[in-house]
Amino acid sequence: MRLPNGRFRVDSVPTFSVGRFFAQARIFQVHSCPHEQIEIFAAINLPAFATEAEAIAFSNKWAVAWIHENLFDIAATKGAYA
């Protein structure tokens, strides 16, 4: 999922184990060049859900909240693309 401002991309592909879909999110900061991106955070210990769609929806919502909470730190430490 590419966020509306275009500066971040979220990969929310869940894993499947013991009959549940485990949400996970990888957050990338995107450079103006379409093929250039830097992974800035990966969350793999998110909750489990009965369906893949629920896990993806949770991951996307969680990632957007994480970006908003950490935007200042991202700009300060990863600087070049913020």
PDB file of N, CA and C in Angstrom:
ATOM      1  N   MET A   1       0.854  -1.167   0.000  1.00  0.00           N
ATOM      2  CA  MET A   1       0.000   0.000   0.000  1.00  0.00           C
ATOM      3  C   MET A   1       0.899   1.228   0.000  1.00  0.00           C
ATOM      4  N   ARG A   2       0.699   2.105  -0.958  1.00  0.00           N
ATOM      5  CA  ARG A   2       1.429   3.376  -0.995  1.00  0.00           C
ATOM      6  C   ARG A   2       0.537   4.426  -0.356  1.00  0.00           C
ATOM      7  N   LEU A   3       1.077   5.167   0.588  1.00  0.00           N
ATOM      8  CA  LEU A   3       0.285   6.159   1.297  1.00  0.00           C
ATOM      9  C   LEU A   3       0.046   7.374   0.407  1.00  0.00           C
ATOM     10  N   PRO A   4      -1.059   8.110   0.664  1.00  0.00           N
ATOM     11  CA  PRO A   4      -1.441   9.217  -0.217  1.00  0.00           C
ATOM     12  C   PRO A   4      -0.353  10.263  -0.455  1.00  0.00           C
ATOM     13  N   ASN A   5       0.482  10.554   0.549  1.00  0.00           N
ATOM     14  CA  ASN A   5       1.504  11.573   0.337  1.00  0.00           C
ATOM     15  C   ASN A   5       2.663  11.046  -0.512  1.00  0.00           C
ATOM     16  N   GLY A   6       2.698   9.736  -0.770  1.00  0.00           N
ATOM     17  CA  GLY A   6       3.695   9.136  -1.631  1.00  0.00           C
ATOM     18  C   GLY A   6       5.069   8.945  -1.013  1.00  0.00           C
ATOM     19  N   ARG A   7       5.257   9.370   0.226  1.00  0.00           N
ATOM     20  CA  ARG A   7       6.576   9.270   0.854  1.00  0.00           C
ATOM     21  C   ARG A   7       6.816   7.926   1.529  1.00  0.00           C
ATOM     22  N   PHE A   8       5.755   7.159   1.740  1.00  0.00           N
ATOM     23  CA  PHE A   8       5.889   5.883   2.432  1.00  0.00           C
ATOM     24  C   PHE A   8       5.115   4.798   1.701  1.00  0.00           C
ATOM     25  N   ARG A   9       5.614   3.560   1.849  1.00  0.00           N
ATOM     26  CA  ARG A   9       4.921   2.391   1.316  1.00  0.00           C
ATOM     27  C   ARG A   9       4.880   1.351   2.429  1.00  0.00           C
ATOM     28  N   VAL A  10       3.761   0.652   2.533  1.00  0.00           N
ATOM     29  CA  VAL A  10       3.591  -0.372   3.560  1.00  0.00           C
ATOM     30  C   VAL A  10       3.365  -1.721   2.880  1.00  0.00           C
ATOM     31  N   ASP A  11       4.135  -2.711   3.296  1.00  0.00           N
ATOM     32  CA  ASP A  11       3.958  -4.087   2.830  1.00  0.00           C
ATOM     33  C   ASP A  11       3.285  -4.834   3.976  1.00  0.00           C
ATOM     34  N   SER A  12       2.032  -5.215   3.795  1.00  0.00           N
ATOM     35  CA  SER A  12       1.242  -5.845   4.863  1.00  0.00           C
ATOM     36  C   SER A  12       0.871  -7.277   4.530  1.00  0.00           C
ATOM     37  N   VAL A  13       1.823  -8.084   4.159  1.00  0.00           N
ATOM     38  CA  VAL A  13       1.562  -9.479   3.817  1.00  0.00           C
ATOM     39  C   VAL A  13       1.610 -10.317   5.103  1.00  0.00           C
ATOM     40  N   PRO A  14       0.468 -10.880   5.510  1.00  0.00           N
ATOM     41  CA  PRO A  14       0.457 -11.668   6.750  1.00  0.00           C
ATOM     42  C   PRO A  14       1.093 -13.044   6.550  1.00  0.00           C
ATOM     43  N   THR A  15       1.469 -13.652   7.651  1.00  0.00           N
ATOM     44  CA  THR A  15       1.936 -15.030   7.621  1.00  0.00           C
ATOM     45  C   THR A  15       0.797 -15.917   8.119  1.00  0.00           C
ATOM     46  N   PHE A  16       0.805 -17.173   7.710  1.00  0.00           N
ATOM     47  CA  PHE A  16      -0.246 -18.104   8.120  1.00  0.00           C
ATOM     48  C   PHE A  16       0.387 -19.238   8.908  1.00  0.00           C
ATOM     49  N   SER A  17      -0.151 -19.469  10.100  1.00  0.00           N
ATOM     50  CA  SER A  17       0.354 -20.541  10.950  1.00  0.00           C
ATOM     51  C   SER A  17      -0.737 -20.942  11.927  1.00  0.00           C
ATOM     52  N   VAL A  18      -0.761 -22.199  12.269  1.00  0.00           N
ATOM     53  CA  VAL A  18      -1.726 -22.785  13.219  1.00  0.00           C
ATOM     54  C   VAL A  18      -3.156 -22.296  12.978  1.00  0.00           C
ATOM     55  N   GLY A  19      -3.530 -22.202  11.695  1.00  0.00           N
ATOM     56  CA  GLY A  19      -4.897 -21.837  11.346  1.00  0.00           C
ATOM     57  C   GLY A  19      -5.250 -20.377  11.504  1.00  0.00           C
ATOM     58  N   ARG A  20      -4.267 -19.504  11.675  1.00  0.00           N
ATOM     59  CA  ARG A  20      -4.508 -18.070  11.861  1.00  0.00           C
ATOM     60  C   ARG A  20      -3.602 -17.265  10.929  1.00  0.00           C
ATOM     61  N   PHE A  21      -4.044 -16.062  10.606  1.00  0.00           N
ATOM     62  CA  PHE A  21      -3.240 -15.125   9.826  1.00  0.00           C
ATOM     63  C   PHE A  21      -2.622 -14.125  10.787  1.00  0.00           C
ATOM     64  N   PHE A  22      -1.294 -14.098  10.830  1.00  0.00           N
ATOM     65  CA  PHE A  22      -0.586 -13.198  11.727  1.00  0.00           C
ATOM     66  C   PHE A  22      -0.209 -11.928  10.969  1.00  0.00           C
ATOM     67  N   ALA A  23      -0.720 -10.801  11.462  1.00  0.00           N
ATOM     68  CA  ALA A  23      -0.462  -9.517  10.823  1.00  0.00           C
ATOM     69  C   ALA A  23       1.010  -9.145  10.971  1.00  0.00           C
ATOM     70  N   GLN A  24       1.545  -8.549   9.920  1.00  0.00           N
ATOM     71  CA  GLN A  24       2.889  -7.989   9.984  1.00  0.00           C
ATOM     72  C   GLN A  24       2.965  -6.836   8.996  1.00  0.00           C
ATOM     73  N   ALA A  25       3.842  -5.886   9.292  1.00  0.00           N
ATOM     74  CA  ALA A  25       3.961  -4.707   8.435  1.00  0.00           C
ATOM     75  C   ALA A  25       5.423  -4.341   8.275  1.00  0.00           C
ATOM     76  N   ARG A  26       5.803  -4.068   7.051  1.00  0.00           N
ATOM     77  CA  ARG A  26       7.125  -3.518   6.756  1.00  0.00           C
ATOM     78  C   ARG A  26       6.881  -2.131   6.177  1.00  0.00           C
ATOM     79  N   ILE A  27       7.558  -1.141   6.731  1.00  0.00           N
ATOM     80  CA  ILE A  27       7.353   0.244   6.320  1.00  0.00           C
ATOM     81  C   ILE A  27       8.597   0.723   5.581  1.00  0.00           C
ATOM     82  N   PHE A  28       8.379   1.292   4.407  1.00  0.00           N
ATOM     83  CA  PHE A  28       9.460   1.791   3.567  1.00  0.00           C
ATOM     84  C   PHE A  28       9.288   3.283   3.352  1.00  0.00           C
ATOM     85  N   GLN A  29      10.402   3.992   3.301  1.00  0.00           N
ATOM     86  CA  GLN A  29      10.381   5.394   2.908  1.00  0.00           C
ATOM     87  C   GLN A  29      10.795   5.429   1.447  1.00  0.00           C
ATOM     88  N   VAL A  30      10.025   6.113   0.630  1.00  0.00           N
ATOM     89  CA  VAL A  30      10.206   6.104  -0.817  1.00  0.00           C
ATOM     90  C   VAL A  30      10.912   7.382  -1.266  1.00  0.00           C
ATOM     91  N   HIS A  31      11.916   7.215  -2.107  1.00  0.00           N
ATOM     92  CA  HIS A  31      12.642   8.335  -2.699  1.00  0.00           C
ATOM     93  C   HIS A  31      11.900   8.767  -3.955  1.00  0.00           C
ATOM     94  N   SER A  32      12.226   9.916  -4.470  1.00  0.00           N
ATOM     95  CA  SER A  32      11.560  10.406  -5.676  1.00  0.00           C
ATOM     96  C   SER A  32      11.775   9.491  -6.879  1.00  0.00           C
ATOM     97  N   CYS A  33      12.873   8.765  -6.895  1.00  0.00           N
ATOM     98  CA  CYS A  33      13.102   7.762  -7.932  1.00  0.00           C
ATOM     99  C   CYS A  33      12.245   6.542  -7.580  1.00  0.00           C
ATOM    100  N   PRO A  34      11.348   6.097  -8.441  1.00  0.00           N
ATOM    101  CA  PRO A  34      10.382   5.043  -8.105  1.00  0.00           C
ATOM    102  C   PRO A  34      10.978   3.717  -7.616  1.00  0.00           C
ATOM    103  N   HIS A  35      12.196   3.422  -8.006  1.00  0.00           N
ATOM    104  CA  HIS A  35      12.787   2.142  -7.632  1.00  0.00           C
ATOM    105  C   HIS A  35      13.661   2.228  -6.393  1.00  0.00           C
ATOM    106  N   GLU A  36      13.694   3.393  -5.769  1.00  0.00           N
ATOM    107  CA  GLU A  36      14.560   3.570  -4.616  1.00  0.00           C
ATOM    108  C   GLU A  36      13.719   3.745  -3.356  1.00  0.00           C
ATOM    109  N   GLN A  37      13.884   2.827  -2.408  1.00  0.00           N
ATOM    110  CA  GLN A  37      13.162   2.902  -1.145  1.00  0.00           C
ATOM    111  C   GLN A  37      14.023   2.301  -0.052  1.00  0.00           C
ATOM    112  N   ILE A  38      13.790   2.758   1.168  1.00  0.00           N
ATOM    113  CA  ILE A  38      14.561   2.294   2.318  1.00  0.00           C
ATOM    114  C   ILE A  38      13.590   1.731   3.345  1.00  0.00           C
ATOM    115  N   GLU A  39      13.826   0.493   3.777  1.00  0.00           N
ATOM    116  CA  GLU A  39      12.988  -0.075   4.831  1.00  0.00           C
ATOM    117  C   GLU A  39      13.364   0.612   6.136  1.00  0.00           C
ATOM    118  N   ILE A  40      12.365   1.181   6.807  1.00  0.00           N
ATOM    119  CA  ILE A  40      12.643   1.907   8.046  1.00  0.00           C
ATOM    120  C   ILE A  40      12.108   1.200   9.276  1.00  0.00           C
ATOM    121  N   PHE A  41      11.187   0.250   9.105  1.00  0.00           N
ATOM    122  CA  PHE A  41      10.669  -0.465  10.268  1.00  0.00           C
ATOM    123  C   PHE A  41       9.964  -1.734   9.813  1.00  0.00           C
ATOM    124  N   ALA A  42      10.079  -2.780  10.608  1.00  0.00           N
ATOM    125  CA  ALA A  42       9.357  -4.025  10.346  1.00  0.00           C
ATOM    126  C   ALA A  42       8.724  -4.487  11.650  1.00  0.00           C
ATOM    127  N   ALA A  43       7.428  -4.721  11.612  1.00  0.00           N
ATOM    128  CA  ALA A  43       6.706  -5.228  12.776  1.00  0.00           C
ATOM    129  C   ALA A  43       6.183  -6.616  12.426  1.00  0.00           C
ATOM    130  N   ILE A  44       6.701  -7.629  13.107  1.00  0.00           N
ATOM    131  CA  ILE A  44       6.273  -8.988  12.807  1.00  0.00           C
ATOM    132  C   ILE A  44       5.511  -9.623  13.961  1.00  0.00           C
ATOM    133  N   ASN A  45       5.421  -8.955  15.077  1.00  0.00           N
ATOM    134  CA  ASN A  45       4.738  -9.505  16.252  1.00  0.00           C
ATOM    135  C   ASN A  45       3.379  -8.864  16.470  1.00  0.00           C
ATOM    136  N   LEU A  46       2.624  -8.693  15.396  1.00  0.00           N
ATOM    137  CA  LEU A  46       1.288  -8.121  15.500  1.00  0.00           C
ATOM    138  C   LEU A  46       0.288  -9.252  15.739  1.00  0.00           C
ATOM    139  N   PRO A  47      -0.957  -8.931  16.125  1.00  0.00           N
ATOM    140  CA  PRO A  47      -1.941  -9.965  16.472  1.00  0.00           C
ATOM    141  C   PRO A  47      -2.308 -10.908  15.317  1.00  0.00           C
ATOM    142  N   ALA A  48      -2.968 -12.000  15.687  1.00  0.00           N
ATOM    143  CA  ALA A  48      -3.458 -12.991  14.720  1.00  0.00           C
ATOM    144  C   ALA A  48      -4.940 -12.760  14.460  1.00  0.00           C
ATOM    145  N   PHE A  49      -5.370 -13.132  13.250  1.00  0.00           N
ATOM    146  CA  PHE A  49      -6.757 -12.939  12.836  1.00  0.00           C
ATOM    147  C   PHE A  49      -7.263 -14.180  12.114  1.00  0.00           C
ATOM    148  N   ALA A  50      -8.566 -14.298  12.017  1.00  0.00           N
ATOM    149  CA  ALA A  50      -9.185 -15.450  11.365  1.00  0.00           C
ATOM    150  C   ALA A  50      -9.059 -15.382   9.844  1.00  0.00           C
ATOM    151  N   THR A  51      -9.032 -14.155   9.290  1.00  0.00           N
ATOM    152  CA  THR A  51      -8.953 -14.014   7.834  1.00  0.00           C
ATOM    153  C   THR A  51      -7.752 -13.166   7.422  1.00  0.00           C
ATOM    154  N   GLU A  52      -7.313 -13.401   6.198  1.00  0.00           N
ATOM    155  CA  GLU A  52      -6.202 -12.628   5.650  1.00  0.00           C
ATOM    156  C   GLU A  52      -6.574 -11.151   5.533  1.00  0.00           C
ATOM    157  N   ALA A  53      -7.802 -10.864   5.108  1.00  0.00           N
ATOM    158  CA  ALA A  53      -8.252  -9.477   4.945  1.00  0.00           C
ATOM    159  C   ALA A  53      -8.213  -8.714   6.273  1.00  0.00           C
ATOM    160  N   GLU A  54      -8.604  -9.372   7.361  1.00  0.00           N
ATOM    161  CA  GLU A  54      -8.555  -8.722   8.680  1.00  0.00           C
ATOM    162  C   GLU A  54      -7.111  -8.408   9.075  1.00  0.00           C
ATOM    163  N   ALA A  55      -6.215  -9.338   8.814  1.00  0.00           N
ATOM    164  CA  ALA A  55      -4.800  -9.136   9.156  1.00  0.00           C
ATOM    165  C   ALA A  55      -4.201  -7.989   8.344  1.00  0.00           C
ATOM    166  N   ILE A  56      -4.517  -7.920   7.070  1.00  0.00           N
ATOM    167  CA  ILE A  56      -4.004  -6.847   6.212  1.00  0.00           C
ATOM    168  C   ILE A  56      -4.567  -5.499   6.646  1.00  0.00           C
ATOM    169  N   ALA A  57      -5.856  -5.439   6.911  1.00  0.00           N
ATOM    170  CA  ALA A  57      -6.479  -4.183   7.349  1.00  0.00           C
ATOM    171  C   ALA A  57      -5.845  -3.692   8.650  1.00  0.00           C
ATOM    172  N   PHE A  58      -5.633  -4.603   9.588  1.00  0.00           N
ATOM    173  CA  PHE A  58      -5.010  -4.219  10.853  1.00  0.00           C
ATOM    174  C   PHE A  58      -3.584  -3.722  10.613  1.00  0.00           C
ATOM    175  N   SER A  59      -2.814  -4.433   9.807  1.00  0.00           N
ATOM    176  CA  SER A  59      -1.424  -4.049   9.526  1.00  0.00           C
ATOM    177  C   SER A  59      -1.345  -2.659   8.904  1.00  0.00           C
ATOM    178  N   ASN A  60      -2.215  -2.403   7.928  1.00  0.00           N
ATOM    179  CA  ASN A  60      -2.218  -1.094   7.272  1.00  0.00           C
ATOM    180  C   ASN A  60      -2.543   0.018   8.261  1.00  0.00           C
ATOM    181  N   LYS A  61      -3.577  -0.189   9.059  1.00  0.00           N
ATOM    182  CA  LYS A  61      -3.975   0.821  10.048  1.00  0.00           C
ATOM    183  C   LYS A  61      -2.859   1.023  11.077  1.00  0.00           C
ATOM    184  N   TRP A  62      -2.259  -0.065  11.526  1.00  0.00           N
ATOM    185  CA  TRP A  62      -1.184   0.014  12.512  1.00  0.00           C
ATOM    186  C   TRP A  62       0.003   0.780  11.931  1.00  0.00           C
ATOM    187  N   ALA A  63       0.372   0.492  10.679  1.00  0.00           N
ATOM    188  CA  ALA A  63       1.523   1.138  10.044  1.00  0.00           C
ATOM    189  C   ALA A  63       1.304   2.640   9.878  1.00  0.00           C
ATOM    190  N   VAL A  64       0.113   3.040   9.469  1.00  0.00           N
ATOM    191  CA  VAL A  64      -0.181   4.468   9.319  1.00  0.00           C
ATOM    192  C   VAL A  64      -0.061   5.171  10.666  1.00  0.00           C
ATOM    193  N   ALA A  65      -0.589   4.557  11.721  1.00  0.00           N
ATOM    194  CA  ALA A  65      -0.470   5.140  13.059  1.00  0.00           C
ATOM    195  C   ALA A  65       0.993   5.226  13.483  1.00  0.00           C
ATOM    196  N   TRP A  66       1.784   4.179  13.191  1.00  0.00           N
ATOM    197  CA  TRP A  66       3.204   4.189  13.551  1.00  0.00           C
ATOM    198  C   TRP A  66       3.937   5.316  12.827  1.00  0.00           C
ATOM    199  N   ILE A  67       3.650   5.491  11.544  1.00  0.00           N
ATOM    200  CA  ILE A  67       4.293   6.566  10.775  1.00  0.00           C
ATOM    201  C   ILE A  67       3.949   7.923  11.376  1.00  0.00           C
ATOM    202  N   HIS A  68       2.681   8.148  11.666  1.00  0.00           N
ATOM    203  CA  HIS A  68       2.279   9.437  12.240  1.00  0.00           C
ATOM    204  C   HIS A  68       2.935   9.683  13.599  1.00  0.00           C
ATOM    205  N   GLU A  69       3.057   8.661  14.411  1.00  0.00           N
ATOM    206  CA  GLU A  69       3.677   8.807  15.729  1.00  0.00           C
ATOM    207  C   GLU A  69       5.178   9.024  15.641  1.00  0.00           C
ATOM    208  N   ASN A  70       5.818   8.554  14.594  1.00  0.00           N
ATOM    209  CA  ASN A  70       7.278   8.589  14.483  1.00  0.00           C
ATOM    210  C   ASN A  70       7.795   9.485  13.371  1.00  0.00           C
ATOM    211  N   LEU A  71       6.933  10.271  12.758  1.00  0.00           N
ATOM    212  CA  LEU A  71       7.325  11.066  11.600  1.00  0.00           C
ATOM    213  C   LEU A  71       8.487  12.004  11.903  1.00  0.00           C
ATOM    214  N   PHE A  72       8.467  12.661  13.052  1.00  0.00           N
ATOM    215  CA  PHE A  72       9.553  13.577  13.398  1.00  0.00           C
ATOM    216  C   PHE A  72      10.871  12.820  13.518  1.00  0.00           C
ATOM    217  N   ASP A  73      10.852  11.671  14.193  1.00  0.00           N
ATOM    218  CA  ASP A  73      12.061  10.865  14.346  1.00  0.00           C
ATOM    219  C   ASP A  73      12.552  10.341  13.004  1.00  0.00           C
ATOM    220  N   ILE A  74      11.631   9.958  12.133  1.00  0.00           N
ATOM    221  CA  ILE A  74      12.003   9.468  10.804  1.00  0.00           C
ATOM    222  C   ILE A  74      12.733  10.566  10.044  1.00  0.00           C
ATOM    223  N   ALA A  75      12.175  11.760  10.077  1.00  0.00           N
ATOM    224  CA  ALA A  75      12.794  12.887   9.365  1.00  0.00           C
ATOM    225  C   ALA A  75      14.164  13.215   9.931  1.00  0.00           C
ATOM    226  N   ALA A  76      14.314  13.110  11.240  1.00  0.00           N
ATOM    227  CA  ALA A  76      15.581  13.464  11.885  1.00  0.00           C
ATOM    228  C   ALA A  76      16.664  12.417  11.646  1.00  0.00           C
ATOM    229  N   THR A  77      16.298  11.135  11.673  1.00  0.00           N
ATOM    230  CA  THR A  77      17.327  10.085  11.592  1.00  0.00           C
ATOM    231  C   THR A  77      17.521   9.546  10.181  1.00  0.00           C
ATOM    232  N   LYS A  78      16.489   9.513   9.381  1.00  0.00           N
ATOM    233  CA  LYS A  78      16.607   8.975   8.028  1.00  0.00           C
ATOM    234  C   LYS A  78      16.721  10.104   7.016  1.00  0.00           C
ATOM    235  N   GLY A  79      16.555  11.292   7.495  1.00  0.00           N
ATOM    236  CA  GLY A  79      16.653  12.586   6.863  1.00  0.00           C
ATOM    237  C   GLY A  79      16.501  12.755   5.381  1.00  0.00           C
ATOM    238  N   ALA A  80      17.305  12.154   4.570  1.00  0.00           N
ATOM    239  CA  ALA A  80      17.422  12.533   3.180  1.00  0.00           C
ATOM    240  C   ALA A  80      16.115  12.529   2.408  1.00  0.00           C
ATOM    241  N   TYR A  81      15.199  11.644   2.746  1.00  0.00           N
ATOM    242  CA  TYR A  81      13.988  11.529   1.944  1.00  0.00           C
ATOM    243  C   TYR A  81      12.749  12.101   2.625  1.00  0.00           C
ATOM    244  N   ALA A  82      12.839  12.569   3.837  1.00  0.00           N
ATOM    245  CA  ALA A  82      11.659  13.005   4.584  1.00  0.00           C
ATOM    246  C   ALA A  82      11.163  14.358   4.159  1.00  0.00           C
TER     247      ALA A  82
END
